Amino acid sequence: MKYRLATACFAIGSMLAPFAVQAEDTNRDQDRANPTAFVKDSAITTKIKSKLAAENLASVKDIHVDTDQNGVVWMSGTVKSQSEADQALTIARQTEGVKSVRNHMKVQG
């Protein structure tokens, strides 16, 4: 009985998985049609993540960074303190190529 239930759940999940991926925010990846914009956005994101890692922030693994085609950086995830969030935002704002930063980080601590 448990085997049947597990198999049924797996089968249903496998069928629905492609729809869940499509339901995600597709605007985030629209610029991949333009390789130049995507490389620029990836470069900005990588610079920010590298700077965050260099600062040895305790929450660096929980901070997500995305950059859109206009140089707008979106930061989300959880941090241990408001000072960590402020430090991460300052690093992002001071990174070359960043036009603005949107903060969606939550303090958990």
PDB file of N, CA and C in Angstrom:
ATOM      1  N   MET A   1       0.818  -1.193   0.000  1.00  0.00           N
ATOM      2  CA  MET A   1       0.000   0.000   0.000  1.00  0.00           C
ATOM      3  C   MET A   1       0.870   1.270   0.000  1.00  0.00           C
ATOM      4  N   LYS A   2       1.891   1.302   0.867  1.00  0.00           N
ATOM      5  CA  LYS A   2       2.766   2.466   0.921  1.00  0.00           C
ATOM      6  C   LYS A   2       3.528   2.629  -0.387  1.00  0.00           C
ATOM      7  N   TYR A   3       3.906   1.502  -0.994  1.00  0.00           N
ATOM      8  CA  TYR A   3       4.626   1.543  -2.258  1.00  0.00           C
ATOM      9  C   TYR A   3       3.757   2.143  -3.359  1.00  0.00           C
ATOM     10  N   ARG A   4       2.496   1.776  -3.389  1.00  0.00           N
ATOM     11  CA  ARG A   4       1.575   2.315  -4.392  1.00  0.00           C
ATOM     12  C   ARG A   4       1.398   3.827  -4.212  1.00  0.00           C
ATOM     13  N   LEU A   5       1.233   4.249  -2.967  1.00  0.00           N
ATOM     14  CA  LEU A   5       1.055   5.670  -2.678  1.00  0.00           C
ATOM     15  C   LEU A   5       2.294   6.457  -3.099  1.00  0.00           C
ATOM     16  N   ALA A   6       3.462   5.951  -2.760  1.00  0.00           N
ATOM     17  CA  ALA A   6       4.710   6.634  -3.115  1.00  0.00           C
ATOM     18  C   ALA A   6       4.859   6.704  -4.627  1.00  0.00           C
ATOM     19  N   THR A   7       4.532   5.624  -5.309  1.00  0.00           N
ATOM     20  CA  THR A   7       4.634   5.595  -6.762  1.00  0.00           C
ATOM     21  C   THR A   7       3.658   6.577  -7.395  1.00  0.00           C
ATOM     22  N   ALA A   8       2.442   6.619  -6.877  1.00  0.00           N
ATOM     23  CA  ALA A   8       1.444   7.548  -7.403  1.00  0.00           C
ATOM     24  C   ALA A   8       1.876   8.995  -7.191  1.00  0.00           C
ATOM     25  N   CYS A   9       2.410   9.313  -6.020  1.00  0.00           N
ATOM     26  CA  CYS A   9       2.874  10.675  -5.734  1.00  0.00           C
ATOM     27  C   CYS A   9       4.029  11.058  -6.658  1.00  0.00           C
ATOM     28  N   PHE A  10       4.938  10.113  -6.868  1.00  0.00           N
ATOM     29  CA  PHE A  10       6.065  10.377  -7.755  1.00  0.00           C
ATOM     30  C   PHE A  10       5.583  10.629  -9.183  1.00  0.00           C
ATOM     31  N   ALA A  11       4.651   9.824  -9.644  1.00  0.00           N
ATOM     32  CA  ALA A  11       4.141   9.966 -11.008  1.00  0.00           C
ATOM     33  C   ALA A  11       3.428  11.302 -11.187  1.00  0.00           C
ATOM     34  N   ILE A  12       2.612  11.674 -10.247  1.00  0.00           N
ATOM     35  CA  ILE A  12       1.885  12.948 -10.327  1.00  0.00           C
ATOM     36  C   ILE A  12       2.862  14.114 -10.260  1.00  0.00           C
ATOM     37  N   GLY A  13       3.826  14.018  -9.350  1.00  0.00           N
ATOM     38  CA  GLY A  13       4.828  15.079  -9.231  1.00  0.00           C
ATOM     39  C   GLY A  13       5.640  15.243 -10.497  1.00  0.00           C
ATOM     40  N   SER A  14       5.989  14.131 -11.125  1.00  0.00           N
ATOM     41  CA  SER A  14       6.754  14.183 -12.372  1.00  0.00           C
ATOM     42  C   SER A  14       5.965  14.844 -13.487  1.00  0.00           C
ATOM     43  N   MET A  15       4.671  14.593 -13.513  1.00  0.00           N
ATOM     44  CA  MET A  15       3.839  15.198 -14.555  1.00  0.00           C
ATOM     45  C   MET A  15       3.635  16.691 -14.327  1.00  0.00           C
ATOM     46  N   LEU A  16       3.585  17.120 -13.075  1.00  0.00           N
ATOM     47  CA  LEU A  16       3.311  18.521 -12.771  1.00  0.00           C
ATOM     48  C   LEU A  16       4.562  19.384 -12.718  1.00  0.00           C
ATOM     49  N   ALA A  17       5.737  18.782 -12.592  1.00  0.00           N
ATOM     50  CA  ALA A  17       6.984  19.544 -12.450  1.00  0.00           C
ATOM     51  C   ALA A  17       7.208  20.544 -13.580  1.00  0.00           C
ATOM     52  N   PRO A  18       7.010  20.183 -14.849  1.00  0.00           N
ATOM     53  CA  PRO A  18       7.237  21.190 -15.904  1.00  0.00           C
ATOM     54  C   PRO A  18       6.335  22.419 -15.777  1.00  0.00           C
ATOM     55  N   PHE A  19       5.120  22.226 -15.280  1.00  0.00           N
ATOM     56  CA  PHE A  19       4.219  23.361 -15.112  1.00  0.00           C
ATOM     57  C   PHE A  19       4.672  24.268 -13.981  1.00  0.00           C
ATOM     58  N   ALA A  20       5.232  23.691 -12.932  1.00  0.00           N
ATOM     59  CA  ALA A  20       5.725  24.487 -11.815  1.00  0.00           C
ATOM     60  C   ALA A  20       6.893  25.355 -12.259  1.00  0.00           C
ATOM     61  N   VAL A  21       7.768  24.814 -13.082  1.00  0.00           N
ATOM     62  CA  VAL A  21       8.901  25.579 -13.580  1.00  0.00           C
ATOM     63  C   VAL A  21       8.412  26.717 -14.471  1.00  0.00           C
ATOM     64  N   GLN A  22       7.420  26.452 -15.323  1.00  0.00           N
ATOM     65  CA  GLN A  22       6.895  27.498 -16.189  1.00  0.00           C
ATOM     66  C   GLN A  22       6.177  28.576 -15.396  1.00  0.00           C
ATOM     67  N   ALA A  23       5.600  28.213 -14.264  1.00  0.00           N
ATOM     68  CA  ALA A  23       4.854  29.179 -13.472  1.00  0.00           C
ATOM     69  C   ALA A  23       5.769  30.168 -12.774  1.00  0.00           C
ATOM     70  N   GLU A  24       7.076  29.859 -12.681  1.00  0.00           N
ATOM     71  CA  GLU A  24       8.011  30.771 -12.056  1.00  0.00           C
ATOM     72  C   GLU A  24       8.041  32.077 -12.819  1.00  0.00           C
ATOM     73  N   ASP A  25       8.599  33.079 -12.213  1.00  0.00           N
ATOM     74  CA  ASP A  25       8.698  34.391 -12.839  1.00  0.00           C
ATOM     75  C   ASP A  25       9.597  34.308 -14.071  1.00  0.00           C
ATOM     76  N   THR A  26       8.989  34.314 -15.235  1.00  0.00           N
ATOM     77  CA  THR A  26       9.760  34.198 -16.471  1.00  0.00           C
ATOM     78  C   THR A  26      10.432  35.511 -16.844  1.00  0.00           C
ATOM     79  N   ASN A  27      10.023  36.616 -16.273  1.00  0.00           N
ATOM     80  CA  ASN A  27      10.637  37.897 -16.588  1.00  0.00           C
ATOM     81  C   ASN A  27      12.106  37.934 -16.194  1.00  0.00           C
ATOM     82  N   ARG A  28      12.470  37.177 -15.199  1.00  0.00           N
ATOM     83  CA  ARG A  28      13.832  37.179 -14.700  1.00  0.00           C
ATOM     84  C   ARG A  28      14.795  36.675 -15.770  1.00  0.00           C
ATOM     85  N   ASP A  29      14.347  35.750 -16.617  1.00  0.00           N
ATOM     86  CA  ASP A  29      15.230  35.152 -17.598  1.00  0.00           C
ATOM     87  C   ASP A  29      14.970  35.630 -19.023  1.00  0.00           C
ATOM     88  N   GLN A  30      14.156  36.644 -19.207  1.00  0.00           N
ATOM     89  CA  GLN A  30      13.861  37.122 -20.552  1.00  0.00           C
ATOM     90  C   GLN A  30      15.106  37.623 -21.264  1.00  0.00           C
ATOM     91  N   ASP A  31      16.045  38.188 -20.528  1.00  0.00           N
ATOM     92  CA  ASP A  31      17.216  38.759 -21.163  1.00  0.00           C
ATOM     93  C   ASP A  31      18.191  37.705 -21.671  1.00  0.00           C
ATOM     94  N   ARG A  32      17.934  36.430 -21.423  1.00  0.00           N
ATOM     95  CA  ARG A  32      18.821  35.389 -21.933  1.00  0.00           C
ATOM     96  C   ARG A  32      18.758  35.300 -23.454  1.00  0.00           C
ATOM     97  N   ALA A  33      17.726  35.878 -24.048  1.00  0.00           N
ATOM     98  CA  ALA A  33      17.642  35.916 -25.505  1.00  0.00           C
ATOM     99  C   ALA A  33      18.724  36.836 -26.065  1.00  0.00           C
ATOM    100  N   ASN A  34      19.176  37.759 -25.257  1.00  0.00           N
ATOM    101  CA  ASN A  34      20.244  38.672 -25.647  1.00  0.00           C
ATOM    102  C   ASN A  34      21.496  38.299 -24.851  1.00  0.00           C
ATOM    103  N   PRO A  35      22.412  37.503 -25.423  1.00  0.00           N
ATOM    104  CA  PRO A  35      23.576  37.026 -24.678  1.00  0.00           C
ATOM    105  C   PRO A  35      24.422  38.121 -24.068  1.00  0.00           C
ATOM    106  N   THR A  36      24.543  39.268 -24.724  1.00  0.00           N
ATOM    107  CA  THR A  36      25.342  40.359 -24.185  1.00  0.00           C
ATOM    108  C   THR A  36      24.770  40.859 -22.872  1.00  0.00           C
ATOM    109  N   ALA A  37      23.451  41.043 -22.821  1.00  0.00           N
ATOM    110  CA  ALA A  37      22.807  41.507 -21.592  1.00  0.00           C
ATOM    111  C   ALA A  37      22.933  40.469 -20.498  1.00  0.00           C
ATOM    112  N   PHE A  38      22.769  39.189 -20.855  1.00  0.00           N
ATOM    113  CA  PHE A  38      22.840  38.139 -19.843  1.00  0.00           C
ATOM    114  C   PHE A  38      24.233  38.056 -19.243  1.00  0.00           C
ATOM    115  N   VAL A  39      25.272  38.146 -20.060  1.00  0.00           N
ATOM    116  CA  VAL A  39      26.639  38.085 -19.537  1.00  0.00           C
ATOM    117  C   VAL A  39      26.888  39.262 -18.615  1.00  0.00           C
ATOM    118  N   LYS A  40      26.426  40.443 -19.000  1.00  0.00           N
ATOM    119  CA  LYS A  40      26.600  41.631 -18.155  1.00  0.00           C
ATOM    120  C   LYS A  40      25.899  41.434 -16.817  1.00  0.00           C
ATOM    121  N   ASP A  41      24.670  40.923 -16.849  1.00  0.00           N
ATOM    122  CA  ASP A  41      23.920  40.720 -15.621  1.00  0.00           C
ATOM    123  C   ASP A  41      24.597  39.678 -14.743  1.00  0.00           C
ATOM    124  N   SER A  42      25.076  38.598 -15.343  1.00  0.00           N
ATOM    125  CA  SER A  42      25.761  37.560 -14.584  1.00  0.00           C
ATOM    126  C   SER A  42      27.042  38.095 -13.970  1.00  0.00           C
ATOM    127  N   ALA A  43      27.726  38.952 -14.703  1.00  0.00           N
ATOM    128  CA  ALA A  43      28.971  39.520 -14.197  1.00  0.00           C
ATOM    129  C   ALA A  43      28.710  40.381 -12.964  1.00  0.00           C
ATOM    130  N   ILE A  44      27.675  41.191 -13.005  1.00  0.00           N
ATOM    131  CA  ILE A  44      27.335  42.026 -11.848  1.00  0.00           C
ATOM    132  C   ILE A  44      26.978  41.144 -10.657  1.00  0.00           C
ATOM    133  N   THR A  45      26.150  40.139 -10.879  1.00  0.00           N
ATOM    134  CA  THR A  45      25.749  39.233  -9.801  1.00  0.00           C
ATOM    135  C   THR A  45      26.970  38.549  -9.198  1.00  0.00           C
ATOM    136  N   THR A  46      27.881  38.088 -10.045  1.00  0.00           N
ATOM    137  CA  THR A  46      29.084  37.406  -9.570  1.00  0.00           C
ATOM    138  C   THR A  46      29.975  38.341  -8.773  1.00  0.00           C
ATOM    139  N   LYS A  47      30.114  39.587  -9.225  1.00  0.00           N
ATOM    140  CA  LYS A  47      30.918  40.563  -8.481  1.00  0.00           C
ATOM    141  C   LYS A  47      30.357  40.763  -7.076  1.00  0.00           C
ATOM    142  N   ILE A  48      29.045  40.912  -6.989  1.00  0.00           N
ATOM    143  CA  ILE A  48      28.414  41.145  -5.682  1.00  0.00           C
ATOM    144  C   ILE A  48      28.600  39.939  -4.780  1.00  0.00           C
ATOM    145  N   LYS A  49      28.353  38.745  -5.309  1.00  0.00           N
ATOM    146  CA  LYS A  49      28.506  37.535  -4.494  1.00  0.00           C
ATOM    147  C   LYS A  49      29.943  37.366  -4.013  1.00  0.00           C
ATOM    148  N   SER A  50      30.909  37.685  -4.870  1.00  0.00           N
ATOM    149  CA  SER A  50      32.320  37.587  -4.481  1.00  0.00           C
ATOM    150  C   SER A  50      32.650  38.566  -3.359  1.00  0.00           C
ATOM    151  N   LYS A  51      32.144  39.786  -3.479  1.00  0.00           N
ATOM    152  CA  LYS A  51      32.382  40.783  -2.431  1.00  0.00           C
ATOM    153  C   LYS A  51      31.725  40.380  -1.116  1.00  0.00           C
ATOM    154  N   LEU A  52      30.525  39.817  -1.199  1.00  0.00           N
ATOM    155  CA  LEU A  52      29.850  39.354   0.021  1.00  0.00           C
ATOM    156  C   LEU A  52      30.651  38.249   0.696  1.00  0.00           C
ATOM    157  N   ALA A  53      31.179  37.327  -0.097  1.00  0.00           N
ATOM    158  CA  ALA A  53      31.977  36.234   0.456  1.00  0.00           C
ATOM    159  C   ALA A  53      33.263  36.763   1.086  1.00  0.00           C
ATOM    160  N   ALA A  54      33.874  37.767   0.469  1.00  0.00           N
ATOM    161  CA  ALA A  54      35.114  38.339   0.991  1.00  0.00           C
ATOM    162  C   ALA A  54      34.905  39.038   2.330  1.00  0.00           C
ATOM    163  N   GLU A  55      33.696  39.523   2.565  1.00  0.00           N
ATOM    164  CA  GLU A  55      33.387  40.200   3.823  1.00  0.00           C
ATOM    165  C   GLU A  55      33.123  39.223   4.975  1.00  0.00           C
ATOM    166  N   ASN A  56      33.074  37.937   4.659  1.00  0.00           N
ATOM    167  CA  ASN A  56      32.833  36.894   5.664  1.00  0.00           C
ATOM    168  C   ASN A  56      31.544  37.091   6.444  1.00  0.00           C
ATOM    169  N   LEU A  57      30.498  37.498   5.742  1.00  0.00           N
ATOM    170  CA  LEU A  57      29.197  37.626   6.391  1.00  0.00           C
ATOM    171  C   LEU A  57      28.703  36.229   6.765  1.00  0.00           C
ATOM    172  N   ALA A  58      28.183  36.075   7.957  1.00  0.00           N
ATOM    173  CA  ALA A  58      27.700  34.771   8.406  1.00  0.00           C
ATOM    174  C   ALA A  58      26.545  34.270   7.552  1.00  0.00           C
ATOM    175  N   SER A  59      25.753  35.182   7.013  1.00  0.00           N
ATOM    176  CA  SER A  59      24.553  34.809   6.259  1.00  0.00           C
ATOM    177  C   SER A  59      24.772  34.754   4.752  1.00  0.00           C
ATOM    178  N   VAL A  60      26.028  34.836   4.289  1.00  0.00           N
ATOM    179  CA  VAL A  60      26.269  34.955   2.852  1.00  0.00           C
ATOM    180  C   VAL A  60      25.650  33.808   2.057  1.00  0.00           C
ATOM    181  N   LYS A  61      25.605  32.619   2.607  1.00  0.00           N
ATOM    182  CA  LYS A  61      25.032  31.485   1.879  1.00  0.00           C
ATOM    183  C   LYS A  61      23.520  31.585   1.754  1.00  0.00           C
ATOM    184  N   ASP A  62      22.899  32.416   2.575  1.00  0.00           N
ATOM    185  CA  ASP A  62      21.453  32.573   2.552  1.00  0.00           C
ATOM    186  C   ASP A  62      20.990  33.824   1.810  1.00  0.00           C
ATOM    187  N   ILE A  63      21.923  34.553   1.225  1.00  0.00           N
ATOM    188  CA  ILE A  63      21.586  35.756   0.474  1.00  0.00           C
ATOM    189  C   ILE A  63      21.574  35.412  -1.014  1.00  0.00           C
ATOM    190  N   HIS A  64      20.470  35.699  -1.665  1.00  0.00           N
ATOM    191  CA  HIS A  64      20.318  35.439  -3.092  1.00  0.00           C
ATOM    192  C   HIS A  64      20.410  36.769  -3.842  1.00  0.00           C
ATOM    193  N   VAL A  65      21.181  36.771  -4.906  1.00  0.00           N
ATOM    194  CA  VAL A  65      21.399  37.984  -5.686  1.00  0.00           C
ATOM    195  C   VAL A  65      21.030  37.710  -7.138  1.00  0.00           C
ATOM    196  N   ASP A  66      20.195  38.558  -7.711  1.00  0.00           N
ATOM    197  CA  ASP A  66      19.831  38.493  -9.121  1.00  0.00           C
ATOM    198  C   ASP A  66      19.933  39.895  -9.697  1.00  0.00           C
ATOM    199  N   THR A  67      20.354  39.975 -10.957  1.00  0.00           N
ATOM    200  CA  THR A  67      20.470  41.265 -11.621  1.00  0.00           C
ATOM    201  C   THR A  67      19.671  41.224 -12.917  1.00  0.00           C
ATOM    202  N   ASP A  68      18.822  42.223 -13.136  1.00  0.00           N
ATOM    203  CA  ASP A  68      18.043  42.242 -14.380  1.00  0.00           C
ATOM    204  C   ASP A  68      18.814  42.979 -15.471  1.00  0.00           C
ATOM    205  N   GLN A  69      18.237  43.043 -16.647  1.00  0.00           N
ATOM    206  CA  GLN A  69      18.910  43.621 -17.799  1.00  0.00           C
ATOM    207  C   GLN A  69      19.166  45.113 -17.683  1.00  0.00           C
ATOM    208  N   ASN A  70      18.534  45.766 -16.713  1.00  0.00           N
ATOM    209  CA  ASN A  70      18.710  47.209 -16.527  1.00  0.00           C
ATOM    210  C   ASN A  70      19.710  47.553 -15.429  1.00  0.00           C
ATOM    211  N   GLY A  71      20.386  46.562 -14.876  1.00  0.00           N
ATOM    212  CA  GLY A  71      21.344  46.812 -13.803  1.00  0.00           C
ATOM    213  C   GLY A  71      20.696  46.936 -12.443  1.00  0.00           C
ATOM    214  N   VAL A  72      19.449  46.498 -12.317  1.00  0.00           N
ATOM    215  CA  VAL A  72      18.760  46.513 -11.028  1.00  0.00           C
ATOM    216  C   VAL A  72      19.046  45.191 -10.329  1.00  0.00           C
ATOM    217  N   VAL A  73      19.543  45.283  -9.107  1.00  0.00           N
ATOM    218  CA  VAL A  73      19.898  44.102  -8.320  1.00  0.00           C
ATOM    219  C   VAL A  73      18.771  43.803  -7.346  1.00  0.00           C
ATOM    220  N   TRP A  74      18.379  42.537  -7.301  1.00  0.00           N
ATOM    221  CA  TRP A  74      17.337  42.069  -6.397  1.00  0.00           C
ATOM    222  C   TRP A  74      18.002  41.167  -5.369  1.00  0.00           C
ATOM    223  N   MET A  75      17.926  41.549  -4.099  1.00  0.00           N
ATOM    224  CA  MET A  75      18.525  40.754  -3.027  1.00  0.00           C
ATOM    225  C   MET A  75      17.418  40.175  -2.162  1.00  0.00           C
ATOM    226  N   SER A  76      17.500  38.881  -1.919  1.00  0.00           N
ATOM    227  CA  SER A  76      16.499  38.210  -1.098  1.00  0.00           C
ATOM    228  C   SER A  76      17.194  37.170  -0.223  1.00  0.00           C
ATOM    229  N   GLY A  77      16.409  36.517   0.617  1.00  0.00           N
ATOM    230  CA  GLY A  77      16.941  35.510   1.524  1.00  0.00           C
ATOM    231  C   GLY A  77      16.852  35.976   2.960  1.00  0.00           C
ATOM    232  N   THR A  78      17.589  35.309   3.815  1.00  0.00           N
ATOM    233  CA  THR A  78      17.564  35.654   5.234  1.00  0.00           C
ATOM    234  C   THR A  78      18.966  36.010   5.713  1.00  0.00           C
ATOM    235  N   VAL A  79      19.001  36.953   6.642  1.00  0.00           N
ATOM    236  CA  VAL A  79      20.251  37.362   7.281  1.00  0.00           C
ATOM    237  C   VAL A  79      20.064  37.286   8.785  1.00  0.00           C
ATOM    238  N   LYS A  80      21.169  37.239   9.500  1.00  0.00           N
ATOM    239  CA  LYS A  80      21.107  37.077  10.953  1.00  0.00           C
ATOM    240  C   LYS A  80      20.839  38.383  11.697  1.00  0.00           C
ATOM    241  N   SER A  81      21.150  39.524  11.058  1.00  0.00           N
ATOM    242  CA  SER A  81      20.946  40.803  11.735  1.00  0.00           C
ATOM    243  C   SER A  81      20.704  41.901  10.705  1.00  0.00           C
ATOM    244  N   GLN A  82      20.176  43.003  11.176  1.00  0.00           N
ATOM    245  CA  GLN A  82      19.949  44.148  10.298  1.00  0.00           C
ATOM    246  C   GLN A  82      21.269  44.718   9.807  1.00  0.00           C
ATOM    247  N   SER A  83      22.304  44.661  10.640  1.00  0.00           N
ATOM    248  CA  SER A  83      23.600  45.184  10.211  1.00  0.00           C
ATOM    249  C   SER A  83      24.165  44.366   9.052  1.00  0.00           C
ATOM    250  N   GLU A  84      23.937  43.048   9.034  1.00  0.00           N
ATOM    251  CA  GLU A  84      24.366  42.227   7.902  1.00  0.00           C
ATOM    252  C   GLU A  84      23.600  42.620   6.640  1.00  0.00           C
ATOM    253  N   ALA A  85      22.311  42.856   6.776  1.00  0.00           N
ATOM    254  CA  ALA A  85      21.500  43.278   5.625  1.00  0.00           C
ATOM    255  C   ALA A  85      22.011  44.611   5.098  1.00  0.00           C
ATOM    256  N   ASP A  86      22.273  45.555   5.994  1.00  0.00           N
ATOM    257  CA  ASP A  86      22.768  46.870   5.591  1.00  0.00           C
ATOM    258  C   ASP A  86      24.128  46.763   4.891  1.00  0.00           C
ATOM    259  N   GLN A  87      24.998  45.907   5.427  1.00  0.00           N
ATOM    260  CA  GLN A  87      26.320  45.713   4.838  1.00  0.00           C
ATOM    261  C   GLN A  87      26.203  45.108   3.437  1.00  0.00           C
ATOM    262  N   ALA A  88      25.332  44.115   3.274  1.00  0.00           N
ATOM    263  CA  ALA A  88      25.132  43.482   1.965  1.00  0.00           C
ATOM    264  C   ALA A  88      24.579  44.487   0.958  1.00  0.00           C
ATOM    265  N   LEU A  89      23.645  45.315   1.390  1.00  0.00           N
ATOM    266  CA  LEU A  89      23.067  46.331   0.505  1.00  0.00           C
ATOM    267  C   LEU A  89      24.110  47.366   0.093  1.00  0.00           C
ATOM    268  N   THR A  90      24.951  47.772   1.023  1.00  0.00           N
ATOM    269  CA  THR A  90      26.011  48.736   0.722  1.00  0.00           C
ATOM    270  C   THR A  90      26.987  48.161  -0.294  1.00  0.00           C
ATOM    271  N   ILE A  91      27.358  46.901  -0.104  1.00  0.00           N
ATOM    272  CA  ILE A  91      28.263  46.247  -1.052  1.00  0.00           C
ATOM    273  C   ILE A  91      27.643  46.221  -2.440  1.00  0.00           C
ATOM    274  N   ALA A  92      26.382  45.861  -2.529  1.00  0.00           N
ATOM    275  CA  ALA A  92      25.703  45.801  -3.827  1.00  0.00           C
ATOM    276  C   ALA A  92      25.640  47.177  -4.475  1.00  0.00           C
ATOM    277  N   ARG A  93      25.293  48.191  -3.697  1.00  0.00           N
ATOM    278  CA  ARG A  93      25.154  49.540  -4.245  1.00  0.00           C
ATOM    279  C   ARG A  93      26.481  50.083  -4.758  1.00  0.00           C
ATOM    280  N   GLN A  94      27.588  49.671  -4.138  1.00  0.00           N
ATOM    281  CA  GLN A  94      28.901  50.183  -4.521  1.00  0.00           C
ATOM    282  C   GLN A  94      29.555  49.376  -5.636  1.00  0.00           C
ATOM    283  N   THR A  95      28.859  48.377  -6.155  1.00  0.00           N
ATOM    284  CA  THR A  95      29.405  47.539  -7.220  1.00  0.00           C
ATOM    285  C   THR A  95      29.194  48.213  -8.573  1.00  0.00           C
ATOM    286  N   GLU A  96      30.237  48.202  -9.386  1.00  0.00           N
ATOM    287  CA  GLU A  96      30.187  48.826 -10.711  1.00  0.00           C
ATOM    288  C   GLU A  96      29.100  48.188 -11.574  1.00  0.00           C
ATOM    289  N   GLY A  97      28.315  49.025 -12.231  1.00  0.00           N
ATOM    290  CA  GLY A  97      27.266  48.562 -13.125  1.00  0.00           C
ATOM    291  C   GLY A  97      25.888  48.492 -12.485  1.00  0.00           C
ATOM    292  N   VAL A  98      25.824  48.633 -11.162  1.00  0.00           N
ATOM    293  CA  VAL A  98      24.543  48.556 -10.459  1.00  0.00           C
ATOM    294  C   VAL A  98      23.846  49.903 -10.529  1.00  0.00           C
ATOM    295  N   LYS A  99      22.611  49.893 -11.021  1.00  0.00           N
ATOM    296  CA  LYS A  99      21.814  51.123 -11.113  1.00  0.00           C
ATOM    297  C   LYS A  99      21.010  51.351  -9.839  1.00  0.00           C
ATOM    298  N   SER A 100      20.426  50.273  -9.299  1.00  0.00           N
ATOM    299  CA  SER A 100      19.687  50.365  -8.046  1.00  0.00           C
ATOM    300  C   SER A 100      19.606  48.972  -7.427  1.00  0.00           C
ATOM    301  N   VAL A 101      19.229  48.945  -6.145  1.00  0.00           N
ATOM    302  CA  VAL A 101      19.143  47.689  -5.399  1.00  0.00           C
ATOM    303  C   VAL A 101      17.772  47.586  -4.763  1.00  0.00           C
ATOM    304  N   ARG A 102      17.135  46.444  -4.932  1.00  0.00           N
ATOM    305  CA  ARG A 102      15.836  46.155  -4.319  1.00  0.00           C
ATOM    306  C   ARG A 102      16.064  45.147  -3.198  1.00  0.00           C
ATOM    307  N   ASN A 103      15.674  45.505  -2.006  1.00  0.00           N
ATOM    308  CA  ASN A 103      15.904  44.658  -0.835  1.00  0.00           C
ATOM    309  C   ASN A 103      14.668  43.834  -0.502  1.00  0.00           C
ATOM    310  N   HIS A 104      14.815  42.521  -0.540  1.00  0.00           N
ATOM    311  CA  HIS A 104      13.778  41.600  -0.114  1.00  0.00           C
ATOM    312  C   HIS A 104      14.326  40.621   0.919  1.00  0.00           C
ATOM    313  N   MET A 105      15.400  41.044   1.614  1.00  0.00           N
ATOM    314  CA  MET A 105      16.005  40.194   2.637  1.00  0.00           C
ATOM    315  C   MET A 105      15.203  40.304   3.925  1.00  0.00           C
ATOM    316  N   LYS A 106      15.169  39.217   4.666  1.00  0.00           N
ATOM    317  CA  LYS A 106      14.476  39.191   5.947  1.00  0.00           C
ATOM    318  C   LYS A 106      15.478  38.903   7.055  1.00  0.00           C
ATOM    319  N   VAL A 107      15.330  39.622   8.167  1.00  0.00           N
ATOM    320  CA  VAL A 107      16.183  39.410   9.317  1.00  0.00           C
ATOM    321  C   VAL A 107      15.596  38.272  10.139  1.00  0.00           C
ATOM    322  N   GLN A 108      16.431  37.271  10.378  1.00  0.00           N
ATOM    323  CA  GLN A 108      16.000  36.116  11.170  1.00  0.00           C
ATOM    324  C   GLN A 108      17.008  35.923  12.278  1.00  0.00           C
ATOM    325  N   GLY A 109      16.618  36.226  13.443  1.00  0.00           N
ATOM    326  CA  GLY A 109      17.607  36.049  14.490  1.00  0.00           C
ATOM    327  C   GLY A 109      17.141  36.323  15.820  1.00  0.00           C
TER     328      GLY A 109
END
